[in-house]
Amino acid sequence: MTNAHQLNRYIVYTCKKCEWQTAVIALWPDLKPKSCQNAKCRCSFIREPDMLRTKAPKKLTTKPTKKVVEVSEEKKTSKRASKRKKK
C-alpha cells in the first residue's frame, strides 16, 4: 500500500547524490535539512544547495477564511433610560 496521497500535504526533500528523502509539512516551508542524514553520503546542503531537490505540493492546504462583514457607520444610540424613577 502506498502513501502517495499523504505526500500531497508535505514538501519532500531529496539528496541528489544518494536519493535520501525526508518530508516536512507544507505549512512549514522554511524548515529545510542542513545536511544529508545518510551516514555514507553526509552531503552538506549549506555548502552545496544544488544537491537538494525540493518537491512541493501544487496547492497548499489552508483553512477557508471567514468573510468580513462590513459595519455601517450609522449613529449609535446608548441604552440610557430616558425616564427617571419617581419617588
N, C-alpha and C. Protein backbone atom coordinates (compact mmCIF):
# COMPACT_ATOMS: atom_id res chain seq x y z
N MET A 1 0.84 -1.17 0.00
CA MET A 1 0.00 0.00 0.00
C MET A 1 0.90 1.24 0.00
N THR A 2 0.61 2.18 -0.86
CA THR A 2 1.42 3.38 -0.95
C THR A 2 0.75 4.51 -0.18
N ASN A 3 1.55 5.44 0.24
CA ASN A 3 1.02 6.61 0.93
C ASN A 3 1.29 7.86 0.10
N ALA A 4 1.08 7.76 -1.21
CA ALA A 4 1.29 8.90 -2.10
C ALA A 4 0.24 9.97 -1.86
N HIS A 5 -0.96 9.59 -1.45
CA HIS A 5 -2.00 10.58 -1.18
C HIS A 5 -1.65 11.44 0.03
N GLN A 6 -0.88 10.88 0.97
CA GLN A 6 -0.47 11.64 2.14
C GLN A 6 0.65 12.62 1.81
N LEU A 7 1.45 12.33 0.80
CA LEU A 7 2.55 13.21 0.44
C LEU A 7 2.08 14.47 -0.27
N ASN A 8 0.80 14.56 -0.59
CA ASN A 8 0.28 15.78 -1.21
C ASN A 8 0.29 16.94 -0.23
N ARG A 9 0.37 16.66 1.06
CA ARG A 9 0.36 17.71 2.07
C ARG A 9 1.76 18.02 2.58
N TYR A 10 2.79 17.42 2.01
CA TYR A 10 4.15 17.56 2.50
C TYR A 10 5.09 18.09 1.43
N ILE A 11 6.16 18.75 1.86
CA ILE A 11 7.25 19.13 0.97
C ILE A 11 8.31 18.03 1.12
N VAL A 12 8.68 17.43 0.02
CA VAL A 12 9.63 16.31 0.04
C VAL A 12 11.00 16.81 -0.41
N TYR A 13 12.01 16.58 0.43
CA TYR A 13 13.39 16.95 0.12
C TYR A 13 14.17 15.67 -0.19
N THR A 14 14.96 15.70 -1.29
CA THR A 14 15.71 14.53 -1.72
C THR A 14 17.15 14.92 -1.99
N CYS A 15 18.09 14.10 -1.53
CA CYS A 15 19.50 14.30 -1.83
C CYS A 15 19.77 13.74 -3.23
N LYS A 16 20.39 14.52 -4.09
CA LYS A 16 20.64 14.09 -5.46
C LYS A 16 21.76 13.06 -5.55
N LYS A 17 22.64 13.00 -4.55
CA LYS A 17 23.75 12.05 -4.59
C LYS A 17 23.31 10.64 -4.22
N CYS A 18 22.57 10.50 -3.13
CA CYS A 18 22.25 9.16 -2.63
C CYS A 18 20.76 8.86 -2.58
N GLU A 19 19.91 9.79 -3.02
CA GLU A 19 18.46 9.63 -3.05
C GLU A 19 17.84 9.48 -1.64
N TRP A 20 18.47 10.02 -0.62
CA TRP A 20 17.90 10.05 0.72
C TRP A 20 16.75 11.05 0.73
N GLN A 21 15.63 10.72 1.40
CA GLN A 21 14.46 11.59 1.39
C GLN A 21 13.98 11.89 2.80
N THR A 22 13.41 13.06 2.93
CA THR A 22 12.70 13.45 4.14
C THR A 22 11.55 14.34 3.73
N ALA A 23 10.54 14.44 4.59
CA ALA A 23 9.37 15.24 4.27
C ALA A 23 9.02 16.15 5.44
N VAL A 24 8.49 17.33 5.12
CA VAL A 24 8.08 18.31 6.11
C VAL A 24 6.68 18.77 5.74
N ILE A 25 5.86 19.05 6.74
CA ILE A 25 4.50 19.54 6.49
C ILE A 25 4.57 20.81 5.66
N ALA A 26 3.67 20.94 4.71
CA ALA A 26 3.69 22.07 3.76
C ALA A 26 3.46 23.42 4.43
N LEU A 27 2.93 23.42 5.64
CA LEU A 27 2.72 24.67 6.34
C LEU A 27 4.03 25.24 6.90
N TRP A 28 5.09 24.46 6.89
CA TRP A 28 6.40 24.90 7.41
C TRP A 28 7.44 24.88 6.29
N PRO A 29 7.32 25.73 5.27
CA PRO A 29 8.26 25.66 4.14
C PRO A 29 9.66 26.18 4.47
N ASP A 30 9.83 26.85 5.61
CA ASP A 30 11.14 27.38 5.96
C ASP A 30 12.05 26.33 6.60
N LEU A 31 11.52 25.16 6.95
CA LEU A 31 12.35 24.10 7.53
C LEU A 31 12.95 23.26 6.41
N LYS A 32 14.27 23.34 6.27
CA LYS A 32 14.99 22.55 5.26
C LYS A 32 16.11 21.80 5.95
N PRO A 33 16.45 20.61 5.45
CA PRO A 33 17.57 19.89 6.06
C PRO A 33 18.89 20.59 5.75
N LYS A 34 19.80 20.59 6.72
CA LYS A 34 21.11 21.24 6.54
C LYS A 34 22.10 20.29 5.88
N SER A 35 21.94 18.99 6.15
CA SER A 35 22.84 18.01 5.54
C SER A 35 22.09 16.70 5.34
N CYS A 36 22.67 15.85 4.51
CA CYS A 36 22.10 14.54 4.25
C CYS A 36 22.34 13.65 5.48
N GLN A 37 21.30 12.94 5.89
CA GLN A 37 21.41 12.11 7.09
C GLN A 37 21.87 10.69 6.78
N ASN A 38 22.20 10.39 5.54
CA ASN A 38 22.77 9.11 5.17
C ASN A 38 24.21 9.08 5.67
N ALA A 39 24.57 8.07 6.43
CA ALA A 39 25.91 8.00 7.04
C ALA A 39 27.02 7.91 6.00
N LYS A 40 26.75 7.34 4.84
CA LYS A 40 27.77 7.21 3.81
C LYS A 40 27.91 8.47 2.97
N CYS A 41 26.87 9.26 2.86
CA CYS A 41 26.89 10.43 1.99
C CYS A 41 27.33 11.69 2.74
N ARG A 42 26.58 12.11 3.73
CA ARG A 42 26.84 13.31 4.54
C ARG A 42 27.08 14.57 3.70
N CYS A 43 26.32 14.74 2.64
CA CYS A 43 26.43 15.92 1.78
C CYS A 43 25.86 17.13 2.52
N SER A 44 26.57 18.24 2.51
CA SER A 44 26.11 19.46 3.17
C SER A 44 25.32 20.31 2.18
N PHE A 45 24.04 20.55 2.50
CA PHE A 45 23.20 21.35 1.62
C PHE A 45 23.45 22.84 1.80
N ILE A 46 24.16 23.21 2.84
CA ILE A 46 24.53 24.62 3.04
C ILE A 46 25.65 24.99 2.07
N ARG A 47 26.63 24.10 1.93
CA ARG A 47 27.75 24.36 1.00
C ARG A 47 27.36 24.06 -0.44
N GLU A 48 26.52 23.04 -0.65
CA GLU A 48 26.09 22.65 -2.00
C GLU A 48 24.55 22.66 -2.07
N PRO A 49 23.95 23.84 -2.21
CA PRO A 49 22.48 23.89 -2.23
C PRO A 49 21.85 23.26 -3.47
N ASP A 50 22.61 23.09 -4.55
CA ASP A 50 22.05 22.48 -5.76
C ASP A 50 21.91 20.96 -5.63
N MET A 51 22.45 20.36 -4.58
CA MET A 51 22.33 18.92 -4.36
C MET A 51 21.02 18.54 -3.67
N LEU A 52 20.22 19.53 -3.28
CA LEU A 52 18.95 19.27 -2.61
C LEU A 52 17.81 19.48 -3.60
N ARG A 53 17.04 18.43 -3.85
CA ARG A 53 15.89 18.50 -4.75
C ARG A 53 14.64 18.70 -3.88
N THR A 54 13.82 19.67 -4.24
CA THR A 54 12.62 20.00 -3.47
C THR A 54 11.39 19.74 -4.32
N LYS A 55 10.42 19.01 -3.73
CA LYS A 55 9.16 18.75 -4.41
C LYS A 55 8.04 19.23 -3.49
N ALA A 56 7.41 20.34 -3.88
CA ALA A 56 6.35 20.94 -3.07
C ALA A 56 4.99 20.60 -3.68
N PRO A 57 3.95 20.55 -2.85
CA PRO A 57 2.61 20.30 -3.40
C PRO A 57 2.14 21.49 -4.22
N LYS A 58 1.28 21.22 -5.19
CA LYS A 58 0.78 22.28 -6.06
C LYS A 58 -0.08 23.27 -5.29
N LYS A 59 -0.90 22.75 -4.42
CA LYS A 59 -1.84 23.59 -3.69
C LYS A 59 -1.64 23.35 -2.20
N LEU A 60 -1.29 24.41 -1.47
CA LEU A 60 -1.13 24.29 -0.03
C LEU A 60 -2.50 24.21 0.62
N THR A 61 -2.60 23.35 1.63
CA THR A 61 -3.87 23.20 2.32
C THR A 61 -3.96 24.25 3.42
N THR A 62 -4.95 25.11 3.31
CA THR A 62 -5.17 26.13 4.32
C THR A 62 -6.64 26.13 4.70
N LYS A 63 -6.93 26.67 5.85
CA LYS A 63 -8.30 26.75 6.30
C LYS A 63 -9.02 27.85 5.52
N PRO A 64 -10.28 27.66 5.21
CA PRO A 64 -11.01 28.71 4.49
C PRO A 64 -11.15 29.95 5.37
N THR A 65 -11.02 31.10 4.75
CA THR A 65 -11.11 32.34 5.50
C THR A 65 -12.57 32.75 5.66
N LYS A 66 -12.86 33.39 6.78
CA LYS A 66 -14.21 33.86 7.03
C LYS A 66 -14.44 35.15 6.28
N LYS A 67 -15.65 35.33 5.81
CA LYS A 67 -15.99 36.55 5.11
C LYS A 67 -16.12 37.69 6.11
N VAL A 68 -15.59 38.83 5.74
CA VAL A 68 -15.65 40.00 6.61
C VAL A 68 -16.95 40.74 6.33
N VAL A 69 -17.69 41.02 7.39
CA VAL A 69 -18.95 41.73 7.27
C VAL A 69 -18.68 43.21 7.49
N GLU A 70 -19.12 44.03 6.56
CA GLU A 70 -18.91 45.46 6.69
C GLU A 70 -19.90 46.05 7.69
N VAL A 71 -19.39 46.90 8.56
CA VAL A 71 -20.23 47.54 9.55
C VAL A 71 -20.56 48.94 9.05
N SER A 72 -21.85 49.24 9.01
CA SER A 72 -22.25 50.57 8.54
C SER A 72 -21.96 51.60 9.64
N GLU A 73 -21.67 52.81 9.22
CA GLU A 73 -21.30 53.86 10.15
C GLU A 73 -22.52 54.70 10.52
N GLU A 74 -23.53 54.02 11.05
CA GLU A 74 -24.73 54.72 11.47
C GLU A 74 -24.54 55.27 12.88
N LYS A 75 -25.44 56.17 13.24
CA LYS A 75 -25.37 56.77 14.56
C LYS A 75 -25.76 55.71 15.59
N LYS A 76 -24.89 55.50 16.56
CA LYS A 76 -25.15 54.51 17.59
C LYS A 76 -25.82 55.20 18.76
N THR A 77 -26.83 54.55 19.30
CA THR A 77 -27.52 55.11 20.45
C THR A 77 -27.09 54.39 21.70
N SER A 78 -27.12 55.12 22.80
CA SER A 78 -26.80 54.49 24.08
C SER A 78 -28.08 54.00 24.73
N LYS A 79 -27.95 53.09 25.64
CA LYS A 79 -29.11 52.48 26.27
C LYS A 79 -29.40 53.13 27.63
N ARG A 80 -29.44 54.41 27.68
CA ARG A 80 -29.77 55.11 28.92
C ARG A 80 -31.28 55.22 29.03
N ALA A 81 -31.71 55.11 30.23
CA ALA A 81 -33.14 55.25 30.46
C ALA A 81 -33.54 56.71 30.33
N SER A 82 -34.57 56.96 29.58
CA SER A 82 -35.00 58.34 29.38
C SER A 82 -35.91 58.83 30.51
N LYS A 83 -36.53 57.91 31.16
CA LYS A 83 -37.42 58.27 32.26
C LYS A 83 -36.75 57.96 33.58
N ARG A 84 -36.86 58.88 34.49
CA ARG A 84 -36.30 58.62 35.82
C ARG A 84 -37.40 58.03 36.70
N LYS A 85 -36.94 57.24 37.64
CA LYS A 85 -37.92 56.65 38.57
C LYS A 85 -38.48 57.74 39.47
N LYS A 86 -39.73 57.66 39.70
CA LYS A 86 -40.40 58.62 40.57
C LYS A 86 -40.39 58.08 41.98
N LYS A 87 -40.21 58.98 42.90
CA LYS A 87 -40.19 58.59 44.30
C LYS A 87 -41.56 58.51 44.89
